[in-house]
Every structure is written in C-alpha cells, then in structure tokens.
Amino acid sequence: MMNYTFASATILLILITDPVGNIPIFANALKHVAPERRPKVILREILIAFALLLTFMFVGESFLRVMNLSELSLQIGGGVILFLIALRMVFPPAATAEGELTTEPLIVPLAVPAIAGPSALATVLLLVSQQPDRRMEWIGALCVTMLVSAVVLVSAERIQRWIGTRLVVAVERLMGLVLVSVAIEMMLRGIKTFVQQVAAAT
C-alpha cells in the first residue's frame, strides 16, 4: 500500500488533472464562446468535475464492494491508466480531424474527461479505499487541486502569452515524466503485494 500525505496526494492529483496540459483543450473548446463568458464556463466545468470526484470519494468503497474489486486490482489498474495518461503527456498524439464545438461546452469534454478523467477517478477511489480514515485530508487535497486548476485555466490566455506555447508543452512533458515514475511505482507496489499474497497462500 502506498502511504500518501496531504502534500503528496495534492501533487499527485494536480499531475493527473494536468491543468497546464488542459490549456490548449480548453482554449480550443471555448474559442466560439464570448471572451467575457469563458471564465464562468471554466469555473462551472471545474465545479462539475469537483462534484464528480467528490462523489467518488464517498461512494468509492461501496463501488468496490458492488463491483467485487479489491484494493490491489484498483492499485494495479490505476497504475496502468496513469502510465498510459503519462505517456500521452510525454508523447502527445498527432492532431485528429475531429469536429470542433461551435456551441458552449457542457460537462463533455471539459469537466469529463479533461479534468475528471478515468485516471483521476481511479486515484480518488484508491486514496479513500487505502486510507478511509483520512478522507478529510483527501477532500482538502482535491479542493486545492481544483483551486489550482481554476487559477491556471482562467488565466490560460495570459499564461500562453507570458511563457509561450513551447514552454507550456515543455512543462506538460515534464509533468508527464514525473507521472510515469508515480505510475510505475504504483504498479510495482501492487505486483509486489500480489506476489507476497500468492507466496503466503502456497
């Protein structure tokens, strides 16, 4: 089991929600929205994502029981998802020819999956299932994460002007490298626990 602190859980959630990497996604999705309306839309989408992640924090244990999932499977599965997300951050896929939104986005694709994607949902489930007695700390970490996302995304246009697109990409790839390490550590710990359980059973 990975023992997280408030600080490490906050950093992990910030890395996973990836506010810097979401800047171009939000910019593209909001290009047809009036500039004065964009901050309200961003804050609304962040609140929706926050509500969804918070819900998973409270129903996570029940969800695991209903689905007959163990913490070990969640840890290894979460590590795999994190690894794949991190690889996309380090090696972003080529642009696709998807149609652009011409109306104001709601929930999809900004709240879900840009902020509250599979990796973020798996992570909050993992935090609460491993250390349910520290639920208030994880809620606090999630609040800080959403606050950071709000500040970064509302200021996205200024950030792009100040530091340039290349530096935004460089920061995202650096965050991806850190997240690769976290994902591998999560998978290794899960595999180690699995091997120990098999050895103890034989």
N, C-alpha and C. Protein backbone atom coordinates (compact mmCIF):
# COMPACT_ATOMS: atom_id res chain seq x y z
N MET A 1 0.85 -1.19 0.00
CA MET A 1 0.00 0.00 0.00
C MET A 1 0.88 1.23 0.00
N MET A 2 0.54 2.20 -0.84
CA MET A 2 1.29 3.45 -0.88
C MET A 2 0.70 4.40 0.15
N ASN A 3 1.55 4.90 1.05
CA ASN A 3 1.09 5.82 2.08
C ASN A 3 1.29 7.25 1.62
N TYR A 4 0.19 7.93 1.30
CA TYR A 4 0.27 9.30 0.82
C TYR A 4 0.11 10.26 1.99
N THR A 5 0.73 11.42 1.86
CA THR A 5 0.50 12.53 2.77
C THR A 5 -0.43 13.52 2.07
N PHE A 6 -0.87 14.53 2.79
CA PHE A 6 -1.72 15.55 2.18
C PHE A 6 -0.99 16.20 1.00
N ALA A 7 0.30 16.52 1.20
CA ALA A 7 1.08 17.18 0.14
C ALA A 7 1.26 16.28 -1.07
N SER A 8 1.64 15.00 -0.83
CA SER A 8 1.88 14.10 -1.96
C SER A 8 0.59 13.78 -2.70
N ALA A 9 -0.53 13.67 -1.97
CA ALA A 9 -1.82 13.43 -2.62
C ALA A 9 -2.23 14.63 -3.47
N THR A 10 -1.97 15.83 -2.95
CA THR A 10 -2.30 17.05 -3.71
C THR A 10 -1.48 17.13 -4.98
N ILE A 11 -0.18 16.87 -4.87
CA ILE A 11 0.69 16.91 -6.04
C ILE A 11 0.26 15.86 -7.07
N LEU A 12 -0.05 14.65 -6.57
CA LEU A 12 -0.49 13.59 -7.48
C LEU A 12 -1.76 13.98 -8.22
N LEU A 13 -2.72 14.55 -7.52
CA LEU A 13 -3.98 14.95 -8.16
C LEU A 13 -3.76 16.08 -9.16
N ILE A 14 -2.86 17.01 -8.83
CA ILE A 14 -2.56 18.10 -9.77
C ILE A 14 -1.90 17.54 -11.03
N LEU A 15 -0.99 16.59 -10.85
CA LEU A 15 -0.33 15.98 -12.00
C LEU A 15 -1.35 15.25 -12.88
N ILE A 16 -2.28 14.56 -12.25
CA ILE A 16 -3.25 13.76 -13.00
C ILE A 16 -4.27 14.65 -13.71
N THR A 17 -4.80 15.66 -13.01
CA THR A 17 -5.77 16.55 -13.66
C THR A 17 -5.10 17.45 -14.69
N ASP A 18 -3.79 17.66 -14.54
CA ASP A 18 -2.96 18.31 -15.55
C ASP A 18 -3.55 19.64 -16.07
N PRO A 19 -3.67 20.65 -15.19
CA PRO A 19 -4.24 21.93 -15.64
C PRO A 19 -3.45 22.60 -16.76
N VAL A 20 -2.10 22.49 -16.71
CA VAL A 20 -1.28 23.09 -17.76
C VAL A 20 -1.54 22.40 -19.10
N GLY A 21 -1.59 21.08 -19.08
CA GLY A 21 -1.85 20.33 -20.30
C GLY A 21 -3.25 20.57 -20.85
N ASN A 22 -4.18 20.97 -19.96
CA ASN A 22 -5.56 21.22 -20.39
C ASN A 22 -5.74 22.59 -21.03
N ILE A 23 -4.73 23.45 -20.94
CA ILE A 23 -4.85 24.80 -21.50
C ILE A 23 -5.26 24.77 -22.98
N PRO A 24 -4.54 24.03 -23.85
CA PRO A 24 -4.96 24.02 -25.26
C PRO A 24 -6.32 23.38 -25.49
N ILE A 25 -6.70 22.39 -24.66
CA ILE A 25 -8.01 21.74 -24.79
C ILE A 25 -9.12 22.75 -24.49
N PHE A 26 -8.95 23.50 -23.40
CA PHE A 26 -9.95 24.50 -23.03
C PHE A 26 -9.98 25.64 -24.04
N ALA A 27 -8.80 26.05 -24.51
CA ALA A 27 -8.74 27.14 -25.48
C ALA A 27 -9.49 26.77 -26.75
N ASN A 28 -9.32 25.53 -27.21
CA ASN A 28 -9.98 25.09 -28.43
C ASN A 28 -11.49 24.95 -28.23
N ALA A 29 -11.89 24.40 -27.07
CA ALA A 29 -13.31 24.18 -26.82
C ALA A 29 -14.07 25.48 -26.59
N LEU A 30 -13.36 26.52 -26.14
CA LEU A 30 -14.03 27.78 -25.80
C LEU A 30 -13.82 28.87 -26.84
N LYS A 31 -13.24 28.53 -27.98
CA LYS A 31 -12.94 29.56 -28.98
C LYS A 31 -14.19 30.22 -29.54
N HIS A 32 -15.34 29.51 -29.50
CA HIS A 32 -16.58 30.07 -30.02
C HIS A 32 -17.45 30.68 -28.91
N VAL A 33 -16.89 30.72 -27.69
CA VAL A 33 -17.60 31.31 -26.56
C VAL A 33 -17.10 32.75 -26.37
N ALA A 34 -17.99 33.65 -26.07
CA ALA A 34 -17.61 35.05 -25.88
C ALA A 34 -16.55 35.16 -24.79
N PRO A 35 -15.50 35.98 -24.99
CA PRO A 35 -14.41 36.09 -24.00
C PRO A 35 -14.88 36.39 -22.59
N GLU A 36 -15.89 37.26 -22.44
CA GLU A 36 -16.36 37.60 -21.10
C GLU A 36 -17.11 36.45 -20.44
N ARG A 37 -17.55 35.48 -21.23
CA ARG A 37 -18.30 34.34 -20.72
C ARG A 37 -17.38 33.18 -20.32
N ARG A 38 -16.16 33.13 -20.88
CA ARG A 38 -15.27 31.98 -20.70
C ARG A 38 -14.93 31.68 -19.24
N PRO A 39 -14.57 32.68 -18.41
CA PRO A 39 -14.26 32.34 -17.00
C PRO A 39 -15.42 31.64 -16.29
N LYS A 40 -16.66 32.07 -16.57
CA LYS A 40 -17.82 31.44 -15.92
C LYS A 40 -17.97 29.99 -16.37
N VAL A 41 -17.74 29.74 -17.66
CA VAL A 41 -17.83 28.37 -18.18
C VAL A 41 -16.75 27.50 -17.56
N ILE A 42 -15.54 28.02 -17.49
CA ILE A 42 -14.42 27.26 -16.90
C ILE A 42 -14.72 26.89 -15.46
N LEU A 43 -15.18 27.87 -14.68
CA LEU A 43 -15.47 27.62 -13.26
C LEU A 43 -16.62 26.62 -13.12
N ARG A 44 -17.61 26.72 -13.99
CA ARG A 44 -18.73 25.77 -13.95
C ARG A 44 -18.25 24.35 -14.22
N GLU A 45 -17.40 24.18 -15.23
CA GLU A 45 -16.89 22.85 -15.57
C GLU A 45 -16.01 22.29 -14.45
N ILE A 46 -15.22 23.15 -13.81
CA ILE A 46 -14.38 22.71 -12.70
C ILE A 46 -15.24 22.27 -11.52
N LEU A 47 -16.33 23.00 -11.25
CA LEU A 47 -17.24 22.62 -10.16
C LEU A 47 -17.91 21.28 -10.46
N ILE A 48 -18.27 21.05 -11.71
CA ILE A 48 -18.88 19.77 -12.09
C ILE A 48 -17.88 18.63 -11.88
N ALA A 49 -16.63 18.86 -12.32
CA ALA A 49 -15.59 17.84 -12.13
C ALA A 49 -15.33 17.59 -10.65
N PHE A 50 -15.31 18.67 -9.86
CA PHE A 50 -15.10 18.56 -8.42
C PHE A 50 -16.22 17.73 -7.78
N ALA A 51 -17.46 18.01 -8.16
CA ALA A 51 -18.60 17.27 -7.60
C ALA A 51 -18.51 15.79 -7.94
N LEU A 52 -18.10 15.48 -9.17
CA LEU A 52 -17.99 14.08 -9.57
C LEU A 52 -16.89 13.36 -8.79
N LEU A 53 -15.72 13.99 -8.68
CA LEU A 53 -14.61 13.38 -7.95
C LEU A 53 -14.94 13.25 -6.46
N LEU A 54 -15.63 14.25 -5.91
CA LEU A 54 -16.02 14.20 -4.50
C LEU A 54 -17.01 13.06 -4.27
N THR A 55 -17.92 12.87 -5.21
CA THR A 55 -18.88 11.77 -5.11
C THR A 55 -18.16 10.43 -5.07
N PHE A 56 -17.17 10.28 -5.94
CA PHE A 56 -16.40 9.04 -5.97
C PHE A 56 -15.65 8.82 -4.65
N MET A 57 -15.25 9.90 -3.99
CA MET A 57 -14.57 9.75 -2.70
C MET A 57 -15.50 9.14 -1.66
N PHE A 58 -16.79 9.46 -1.74
CA PHE A 58 -17.74 8.99 -0.73
C PHE A 58 -18.37 7.64 -1.08
N VAL A 59 -18.48 7.35 -2.36
CA VAL A 59 -19.09 6.07 -2.74
C VAL A 59 -18.05 5.06 -3.20
N GLY A 60 -16.78 5.44 -3.10
CA GLY A 60 -15.71 4.58 -3.61
C GLY A 60 -15.69 3.20 -3.01
N GLU A 61 -15.77 3.13 -1.67
CA GLU A 61 -15.72 1.82 -1.02
C GLU A 61 -16.92 0.96 -1.40
N SER A 62 -18.10 1.57 -1.44
CA SER A 62 -19.31 0.84 -1.84
C SER A 62 -19.19 0.37 -3.28
N PHE A 63 -18.61 1.22 -4.14
CA PHE A 63 -18.42 0.87 -5.54
C PHE A 63 -17.53 -0.35 -5.67
N LEU A 64 -16.45 -0.39 -4.89
CA LEU A 64 -15.54 -1.53 -4.94
C LEU A 64 -16.25 -2.82 -4.51
N ARG A 65 -17.07 -2.70 -3.46
CA ARG A 65 -17.78 -3.89 -2.97
C ARG A 65 -18.80 -4.38 -4.00
N VAL A 66 -19.56 -3.46 -4.58
CA VAL A 66 -20.57 -3.84 -5.57
C VAL A 66 -19.94 -4.50 -6.78
N MET A 67 -18.80 -3.95 -7.22
CA MET A 67 -18.12 -4.48 -8.40
C MET A 67 -17.21 -5.66 -8.06
N ASN A 68 -17.14 -6.00 -6.75
CA ASN A 68 -16.30 -7.11 -6.29
C ASN A 68 -14.83 -6.91 -6.69
N LEU A 69 -14.36 -5.68 -6.48
CA LEU A 69 -12.98 -5.34 -6.80
C LEU A 69 -12.17 -5.21 -5.52
N SER A 70 -10.91 -5.62 -5.58
CA SER A 70 -10.02 -5.48 -4.44
C SER A 70 -9.20 -4.20 -4.58
N GLU A 71 -8.65 -3.73 -3.45
CA GLU A 71 -7.77 -2.55 -3.50
C GLU A 71 -6.55 -2.83 -4.37
N LEU A 72 -6.11 -4.10 -4.35
CA LEU A 72 -4.93 -4.48 -5.13
C LEU A 72 -5.19 -4.33 -6.63
N SER A 73 -6.34 -4.80 -7.08
CA SER A 73 -6.66 -4.67 -8.51
C SER A 73 -6.82 -3.21 -8.90
N LEU A 74 -7.39 -2.42 -7.99
CA LEU A 74 -7.54 -0.99 -8.25
C LEU A 74 -6.18 -0.30 -8.33
N GLN A 75 -5.27 -0.70 -7.44
CA GLN A 75 -3.95 -0.09 -7.45
C GLN A 75 -3.20 -0.40 -8.73
N ILE A 76 -3.21 -1.68 -9.14
CA ILE A 76 -2.50 -2.05 -10.38
C ILE A 76 -3.20 -1.44 -11.60
N GLY A 77 -4.54 -1.52 -11.63
CA GLY A 77 -5.28 -0.93 -12.75
C GLY A 77 -5.10 0.58 -12.82
N GLY A 78 -5.13 1.24 -11.65
CA GLY A 78 -4.90 2.68 -11.62
C GLY A 78 -3.51 3.04 -12.10
N GLY A 79 -2.53 2.21 -11.74
CA GLY A 79 -1.16 2.44 -12.20
C GLY A 79 -1.04 2.34 -13.71
N VAL A 80 -1.74 1.36 -14.29
CA VAL A 80 -1.72 1.19 -15.75
C VAL A 80 -2.34 2.41 -16.44
N ILE A 81 -3.48 2.87 -15.91
CA ILE A 81 -4.15 4.03 -16.50
C ILE A 81 -3.26 5.27 -16.40
N LEU A 82 -2.66 5.47 -15.21
CA LEU A 82 -1.76 6.60 -15.02
C LEU A 82 -0.60 6.54 -16.00
N PHE A 83 -0.07 5.35 -16.20
CA PHE A 83 1.06 5.18 -17.11
C PHE A 83 0.68 5.58 -18.54
N LEU A 84 -0.50 5.14 -18.97
CA LEU A 84 -0.96 5.47 -20.33
C LEU A 84 -1.21 6.97 -20.48
N ILE A 85 -1.82 7.59 -19.43
CA ILE A 85 -2.06 9.03 -19.47
C ILE A 85 -0.73 9.78 -19.50
N ALA A 86 0.23 9.31 -18.69
CA ALA A 86 1.54 9.97 -18.64
C ALA A 86 2.26 9.87 -19.97
N LEU A 87 2.14 8.72 -20.65
CA LEU A 87 2.77 8.57 -21.96
C LEU A 87 2.18 9.56 -22.96
N ARG A 88 0.86 9.79 -22.88
CA ARG A 88 0.23 10.76 -23.77
C ARG A 88 0.70 12.18 -23.47
N MET A 89 1.06 12.44 -22.21
CA MET A 89 1.59 13.75 -21.86
C MET A 89 2.99 13.95 -22.41
N VAL A 90 3.81 12.88 -22.35
CA VAL A 90 5.19 12.96 -22.84
C VAL A 90 5.23 12.91 -24.35
N PHE A 91 4.40 12.01 -24.93
CA PHE A 91 4.35 11.87 -26.40
C PHE A 91 2.92 12.12 -26.86
N PRO A 92 2.51 13.39 -26.96
CA PRO A 92 1.13 13.69 -27.35
C PRO A 92 0.81 13.17 -28.74
N PRO A 93 -0.41 12.62 -28.92
CA PRO A 93 -0.79 12.08 -30.23
C PRO A 93 -0.94 13.19 -31.26
N ALA A 94 -0.83 12.82 -32.51
CA ALA A 94 -1.00 13.80 -33.58
C ALA A 94 -2.43 14.32 -33.57
N ALA A 95 -2.59 15.54 -34.01
CA ALA A 95 -3.92 16.16 -34.04
C ALA A 95 -4.84 15.35 -34.94
N THR A 96 -6.09 15.20 -34.51
CA THR A 96 -7.08 14.44 -35.29
C THR A 96 -8.04 15.40 -35.96
N ALA A 97 -8.81 14.87 -36.86
CA ALA A 97 -9.73 15.71 -37.62
C ALA A 97 -11.13 15.72 -37.02
N GLU A 98 -11.20 15.76 -35.68
CA GLU A 98 -12.49 15.77 -35.01
C GLU A 98 -13.17 17.13 -35.24
N GLY A 99 -14.50 17.10 -35.30
CA GLY A 99 -15.22 18.35 -35.48
C GLY A 99 -15.09 19.24 -34.26
N GLU A 100 -15.00 20.52 -34.48
CA GLU A 100 -14.87 21.46 -33.39
C GLU A 100 -16.25 21.79 -32.82
N LEU A 101 -16.27 22.09 -31.53
CA LEU A 101 -17.50 22.52 -30.91
C LEU A 101 -17.82 23.93 -31.36
N THR A 102 -19.06 24.16 -31.74
CA THR A 102 -19.46 25.51 -32.14
C THR A 102 -20.42 26.10 -31.13
N THR A 103 -20.73 25.33 -30.07
CA THR A 103 -21.59 25.83 -29.01
C THR A 103 -20.84 25.75 -27.69
N GLU A 104 -21.43 26.32 -26.67
CA GLU A 104 -20.79 26.31 -25.34
C GLU A 104 -20.75 24.89 -24.80
N PRO A 105 -19.56 24.38 -24.44
CA PRO A 105 -19.45 23.00 -23.94
C PRO A 105 -20.08 22.86 -22.56
N LEU A 106 -20.67 21.70 -22.31
CA LEU A 106 -21.24 21.40 -21.00
C LEU A 106 -20.87 19.97 -20.62
N ILE A 107 -20.14 19.84 -19.54
CA ILE A 107 -19.67 18.57 -18.97
C ILE A 107 -18.61 17.92 -19.87
N VAL A 108 -18.99 17.54 -21.09
CA VAL A 108 -18.06 16.92 -22.04
C VAL A 108 -17.66 17.98 -23.07
N PRO A 109 -16.38 18.16 -23.38
CA PRO A 109 -15.23 17.34 -22.96
C PRO A 109 -14.40 17.97 -21.84
N LEU A 110 -14.89 19.06 -21.22
CA LEU A 110 -14.04 19.78 -20.27
C LEU A 110 -14.07 19.19 -18.86
N ALA A 111 -15.26 19.14 -18.25
CA ALA A 111 -15.35 18.55 -16.91
C ALA A 111 -14.94 17.08 -16.96
N VAL A 112 -15.49 16.37 -17.95
CA VAL A 112 -15.17 14.96 -18.19
C VAL A 112 -14.92 14.80 -19.69
N PRO A 113 -13.78 14.28 -20.12
CA PRO A 113 -12.72 13.67 -19.30
C PRO A 113 -11.50 14.56 -19.06
N ALA A 114 -11.53 15.84 -19.50
CA ALA A 114 -10.32 16.66 -19.39
C ALA A 114 -9.84 16.79 -17.94
N ILE A 115 -10.78 17.02 -17.00
CA ILE A 115 -10.39 17.17 -15.59
C ILE A 115 -10.66 15.87 -14.82
N ALA A 116 -11.91 15.46 -14.78
CA ALA A 116 -12.29 14.24 -14.05
C ALA A 116 -12.30 13.06 -15.00
N GLY A 117 -11.13 12.67 -15.47
CA GLY A 117 -11.00 11.54 -16.36
C GLY A 117 -10.86 10.23 -15.60
N PRO A 118 -10.69 9.11 -16.30
CA PRO A 118 -10.56 7.80 -15.65
C PRO A 118 -9.44 7.75 -14.62
N SER A 119 -8.30 8.37 -14.93
CA SER A 119 -7.16 8.32 -14.01
C SER A 119 -7.46 9.07 -12.72
N ALA A 120 -8.12 10.23 -12.81
CA ALA A 120 -8.46 10.99 -11.62
C ALA A 120 -9.49 10.25 -10.77
N LEU A 121 -10.48 9.65 -11.42
CA LEU A 121 -11.50 8.90 -10.69
C LEU A 121 -10.88 7.69 -9.99
N ALA A 122 -9.98 6.99 -10.69
CA ALA A 122 -9.31 5.83 -10.09
C ALA A 122 -8.44 6.25 -8.91
N THR A 123 -7.81 7.42 -9.02
CA THR A 123 -6.91 7.87 -7.95
C THR A 123 -7.67 8.23 -6.69
N VAL A 124 -8.80 8.96 -6.81
CA VAL A 124 -9.54 9.30 -5.60
C VAL A 124 -10.14 8.04 -4.97
N LEU A 125 -10.55 7.08 -5.79
CA LEU A 125 -11.02 5.80 -5.25
C LEU A 125 -9.91 5.10 -4.48
N LEU A 126 -8.72 5.12 -5.05
CA LEU A 126 -7.58 4.45 -4.42
C LEU A 126 -7.21 5.11 -3.10
N LEU A 127 -7.18 6.45 -3.07
CA LEU A 127 -6.83 7.17 -1.84
C LEU A 127 -7.78 6.82 -0.71
N VAL A 128 -9.08 6.86 -1.01
CA VAL A 128 -10.08 6.63 0.04
C VAL A 128 -10.13 5.16 0.44
N SER A 129 -9.97 4.25 -0.51
CA SER A 129 -10.05 2.83 -0.18
C SER A 129 -8.86 2.38 0.65
N GLN A 130 -7.68 2.98 0.43
CA GLN A 130 -6.50 2.59 1.18
C GLN A 130 -6.45 3.22 2.57
N GLN A 131 -6.89 4.48 2.67
CA GLN A 131 -6.84 5.18 3.96
C GLN A 131 -8.14 5.96 4.18
N PRO A 132 -9.25 5.24 4.43
CA PRO A 132 -10.55 5.90 4.59
C PRO A 132 -10.62 6.83 5.80
N ASP A 133 -9.78 6.59 6.80
CA ASP A 133 -9.79 7.43 7.99
C ASP A 133 -9.23 8.83 7.73
N ARG A 134 -8.60 9.02 6.57
CA ARG A 134 -8.02 10.33 6.23
C ARG A 134 -8.81 10.99 5.11
N ARG A 135 -10.08 10.65 5.03
CA ARG A 135 -10.93 11.17 3.95
C ARG A 135 -10.93 12.70 3.89
N MET A 136 -10.95 13.36 5.06
CA MET A 136 -10.99 14.83 5.06
C MET A 136 -9.71 15.42 4.46
N GLU A 137 -8.58 14.73 4.66
CA GLU A 137 -7.33 15.20 4.04
C GLU A 137 -7.42 15.10 2.53
N TRP A 138 -8.00 13.99 2.05
CA TRP A 138 -8.10 13.81 0.60
C TRP A 138 -9.09 14.81 -0.01
N ILE A 139 -10.13 15.15 0.74
CA ILE A 139 -11.06 16.19 0.27
C ILE A 139 -10.34 17.52 0.19
N GLY A 140 -9.51 17.80 1.20
CA GLY A 140 -8.71 19.03 1.19
C GLY A 140 -7.75 19.07 0.02
N ALA A 141 -7.11 17.93 -0.26
CA ALA A 141 -6.19 17.84 -1.40
C ALA A 141 -6.93 18.08 -2.71
N LEU A 142 -8.15 17.53 -2.81
CA LEU A 142 -8.96 17.73 -4.01
C LEU A 142 -9.37 19.19 -4.16
N CYS A 143 -9.70 19.84 -3.05
CA CYS A 143 -10.07 21.27 -3.09
C CYS A 143 -8.90 22.11 -3.59
N VAL A 144 -7.70 21.83 -3.07
CA VAL A 144 -6.51 22.58 -3.52
C VAL A 144 -6.27 22.34 -5.01
N THR A 145 -6.43 21.08 -5.43
CA THR A 145 -6.24 20.74 -6.85
C THR A 145 -7.19 21.51 -7.75
N MET A 146 -8.46 21.56 -7.35
CA MET A 146 -9.45 22.29 -8.15
C MET A 146 -9.18 23.78 -8.16
N LEU A 147 -8.67 24.31 -7.04
CA LEU A 147 -8.32 25.72 -6.97
C LEU A 147 -7.17 26.04 -7.92
N VAL A 148 -6.15 25.16 -7.92
CA VAL A 148 -5.03 25.35 -8.84
C VAL A 148 -5.51 25.28 -10.30
N SER A 149 -6.37 24.31 -10.59
CA SER A 149 -6.91 24.18 -11.95
C SER A 149 -7.68 25.44 -12.35
N ALA A 150 -8.48 25.97 -11.42
CA ALA A 150 -9.26 27.17 -11.72
C ALA A 150 -8.36 28.36 -12.03
N VAL A 151 -7.33 28.56 -11.20
CA VAL A 151 -6.42 29.68 -11.41
C VAL A 151 -5.69 29.55 -12.75
N VAL A 152 -5.18 28.34 -13.02
CA VAL A 152 -4.42 28.12 -14.25
C VAL A 152 -5.31 28.27 -15.49
N LEU A 153 -6.49 27.67 -15.47
CA LEU A 153 -7.33 27.65 -16.66
C LEU A 153 -8.01 28.99 -16.93
N VAL A 154 -8.40 29.69 -15.86
CA VAL A 154 -8.98 31.03 -16.06
C VAL A 154 -7.92 31.99 -16.60
N SER A 155 -6.67 31.76 -16.20
CA SER A 155 -5.56 32.61 -16.65
C SER A 155 -4.85 32.04 -17.87
N ALA A 156 -5.45 31.05 -18.52
CA ALA A 156 -4.77 30.32 -19.60
C ALA A 156 -4.25 31.22 -20.71
N GLU A 157 -5.08 32.18 -21.16
CA GLU A 157 -4.67 33.05 -22.26
C GLU A 157 -3.47 33.90 -21.86
N ARG A 158 -3.49 34.41 -20.63
CA ARG A 158 -2.35 35.21 -20.14
C ARG A 158 -1.10 34.34 -20.04
N ILE A 159 -1.27 33.11 -19.52
CA ILE A 159 -0.13 32.21 -19.36
C ILE A 159 0.50 31.92 -20.72
N GLN A 160 -0.33 31.65 -21.71
CA GLN A 160 0.19 31.37 -23.05
C GLN A 160 0.93 32.58 -23.62
N ARG A 161 0.42 33.78 -23.34
CA ARG A 161 1.10 34.98 -23.84
C ARG A 161 2.42 35.20 -23.11
N TRP A 162 2.43 34.95 -21.79
CA TRP A 162 3.62 35.21 -20.99
C TRP A 162 4.75 34.23 -21.28
N ILE A 163 4.43 32.95 -21.28
CA ILE A 163 5.51 31.95 -21.37
C ILE A 163 5.61 31.29 -22.74
N GLY A 164 4.58 31.45 -23.57
CA GLY A 164 4.65 30.88 -24.91
C GLY A 164 4.19 29.44 -24.94
N THR A 165 3.76 29.02 -26.12
CA THR A 165 3.23 27.66 -26.30
C THR A 165 4.29 26.60 -26.06
N ARG A 166 5.53 26.87 -26.49
CA ARG A 166 6.60 25.87 -26.35
C ARG A 166 6.87 25.54 -24.89
N LEU A 167 6.89 26.55 -24.05
CA LEU A 167 7.15 26.30 -22.63
C LEU A 167 5.99 25.57 -21.98
N VAL A 168 4.76 25.87 -22.41
CA VAL A 168 3.59 25.14 -21.90
C VAL A 168 3.73 23.66 -22.22
N VAL A 169 4.14 23.35 -23.46
CA VAL A 169 4.34 21.95 -23.87
C VAL A 169 5.46 21.31 -23.06
N ALA A 170 6.55 22.07 -22.84
CA ALA A 170 7.69 21.53 -22.07
C ALA A 170 7.29 21.20 -20.64
N VAL A 171 6.51 22.09 -20.02
CA VAL A 171 6.05 21.85 -18.64
C VAL A 171 5.16 20.62 -18.58
N GLU A 172 4.27 20.47 -19.57
CA GLU A 172 3.38 19.31 -19.58
C GLU A 172 4.18 18.02 -19.70
N ARG A 173 5.20 18.01 -20.55
CA ARG A 173 6.00 16.80 -20.73
C ARG A 173 6.82 16.49 -19.47
N LEU A 174 7.28 17.53 -18.79
CA LEU A 174 8.00 17.31 -17.52
C LEU A 174 7.05 16.70 -16.50
N MET A 175 5.82 17.21 -16.41
CA MET A 175 4.83 16.63 -15.50
C MET A 175 4.53 15.19 -15.89
N GLY A 176 4.53 14.92 -17.19
CA GLY A 176 4.30 13.55 -17.66
C GLY A 176 5.39 12.61 -17.21
N LEU A 177 6.64 13.05 -17.25
CA LEU A 177 7.76 12.22 -16.79
C LEU A 177 7.63 11.87 -15.31
N VAL A 178 7.24 12.87 -14.50
CA VAL A 178 7.04 12.62 -13.07
C VAL A 178 5.90 11.62 -12.88
N LEU A 179 4.84 11.78 -13.65
CA LEU A 179 3.68 10.90 -13.51
C LEU A 179 4.00 9.47 -13.96
N VAL A 180 4.89 9.31 -14.95
CA VAL A 180 5.34 7.97 -15.36
C VAL A 180 5.98 7.26 -14.17
N SER A 181 6.83 7.98 -13.45
CA SER A 181 7.50 7.40 -12.27
C SER A 181 6.50 7.00 -11.20
N VAL A 182 5.51 7.87 -10.96
CA VAL A 182 4.47 7.55 -9.97
C VAL A 182 3.68 6.32 -10.39
N ALA A 183 3.33 6.23 -11.66
CA ALA A 183 2.56 5.10 -12.17
C ALA A 183 3.33 3.80 -12.03
N ILE A 184 4.62 3.82 -12.39
CA ILE A 184 5.44 2.61 -12.29
C ILE A 184 5.58 2.17 -10.83
N GLU A 185 5.78 3.14 -9.94
CA GLU A 185 5.88 2.83 -8.51
C GLU A 185 4.58 2.19 -8.01
N MET A 186 3.45 2.72 -8.46
CA MET A 186 2.15 2.19 -8.05
C MET A 186 1.99 0.75 -8.53
N MET A 187 2.35 0.50 -9.78
CA MET A 187 2.23 -0.87 -10.33
C MET A 187 3.19 -1.83 -9.64
N LEU A 188 4.43 -1.40 -9.39
CA LEU A 188 5.41 -2.26 -8.74
C LEU A 188 4.98 -2.65 -7.33
N ARG A 189 4.43 -1.68 -6.60
CA ARG A 189 3.95 -1.97 -5.25
C ARG A 189 2.78 -2.96 -5.29
N GLY A 190 1.89 -2.76 -6.26
CA GLY A 190 0.76 -3.68 -6.40
C GLY A 190 1.21 -5.08 -6.75
N ILE A 191 2.15 -5.19 -7.68
CA ILE A 191 2.67 -6.50 -8.09
C ILE A 191 3.40 -7.17 -6.92
N LYS A 192 4.17 -6.38 -6.17
CA LYS A 192 4.90 -6.92 -5.02
C LYS A 192 3.92 -7.48 -3.98
N THR A 193 2.85 -6.73 -3.71
CA THR A 193 1.83 -7.19 -2.77
C THR A 193 1.16 -8.47 -3.26
N PHE A 194 0.88 -8.53 -4.56
CA PHE A 194 0.26 -9.71 -5.16
C PHE A 194 1.17 -10.93 -5.01
N VAL A 195 2.46 -10.77 -5.30
CA VAL A 195 3.42 -11.88 -5.18
C VAL A 195 3.50 -12.36 -3.73
N GLN A 196 3.49 -11.41 -2.79
CA GLN A 196 3.55 -11.77 -1.37
C GLN A 196 2.29 -12.57 -0.96
N GLN A 197 1.14 -12.14 -1.47
CA GLN A 197 -0.10 -12.84 -1.14
C GLN A 197 -0.11 -14.26 -1.72
N VAL A 198 0.40 -14.42 -2.95
CA VAL A 198 0.46 -15.74 -3.57
C VAL A 198 1.43 -16.63 -2.80
N ALA A 199 2.59 -16.06 -2.39
CA ALA A 199 3.61 -16.83 -1.66
C ALA A 199 3.06 -17.27 -0.30
N ALA A 200 2.27 -16.37 0.34
CA ALA A 200 1.72 -16.70 1.66
C ALA A 200 0.64 -17.77 1.55
N ALA A 201 -0.05 -17.82 0.41
CA ALA A 201 -1.14 -18.78 0.23
C ALA A 201 -0.65 -20.18 -0.15
N THR A 202 0.63 -20.27 -0.58
CA THR A 202 1.17 -21.58 -1.01
C THR A 202 2.04 -22.18 0.07
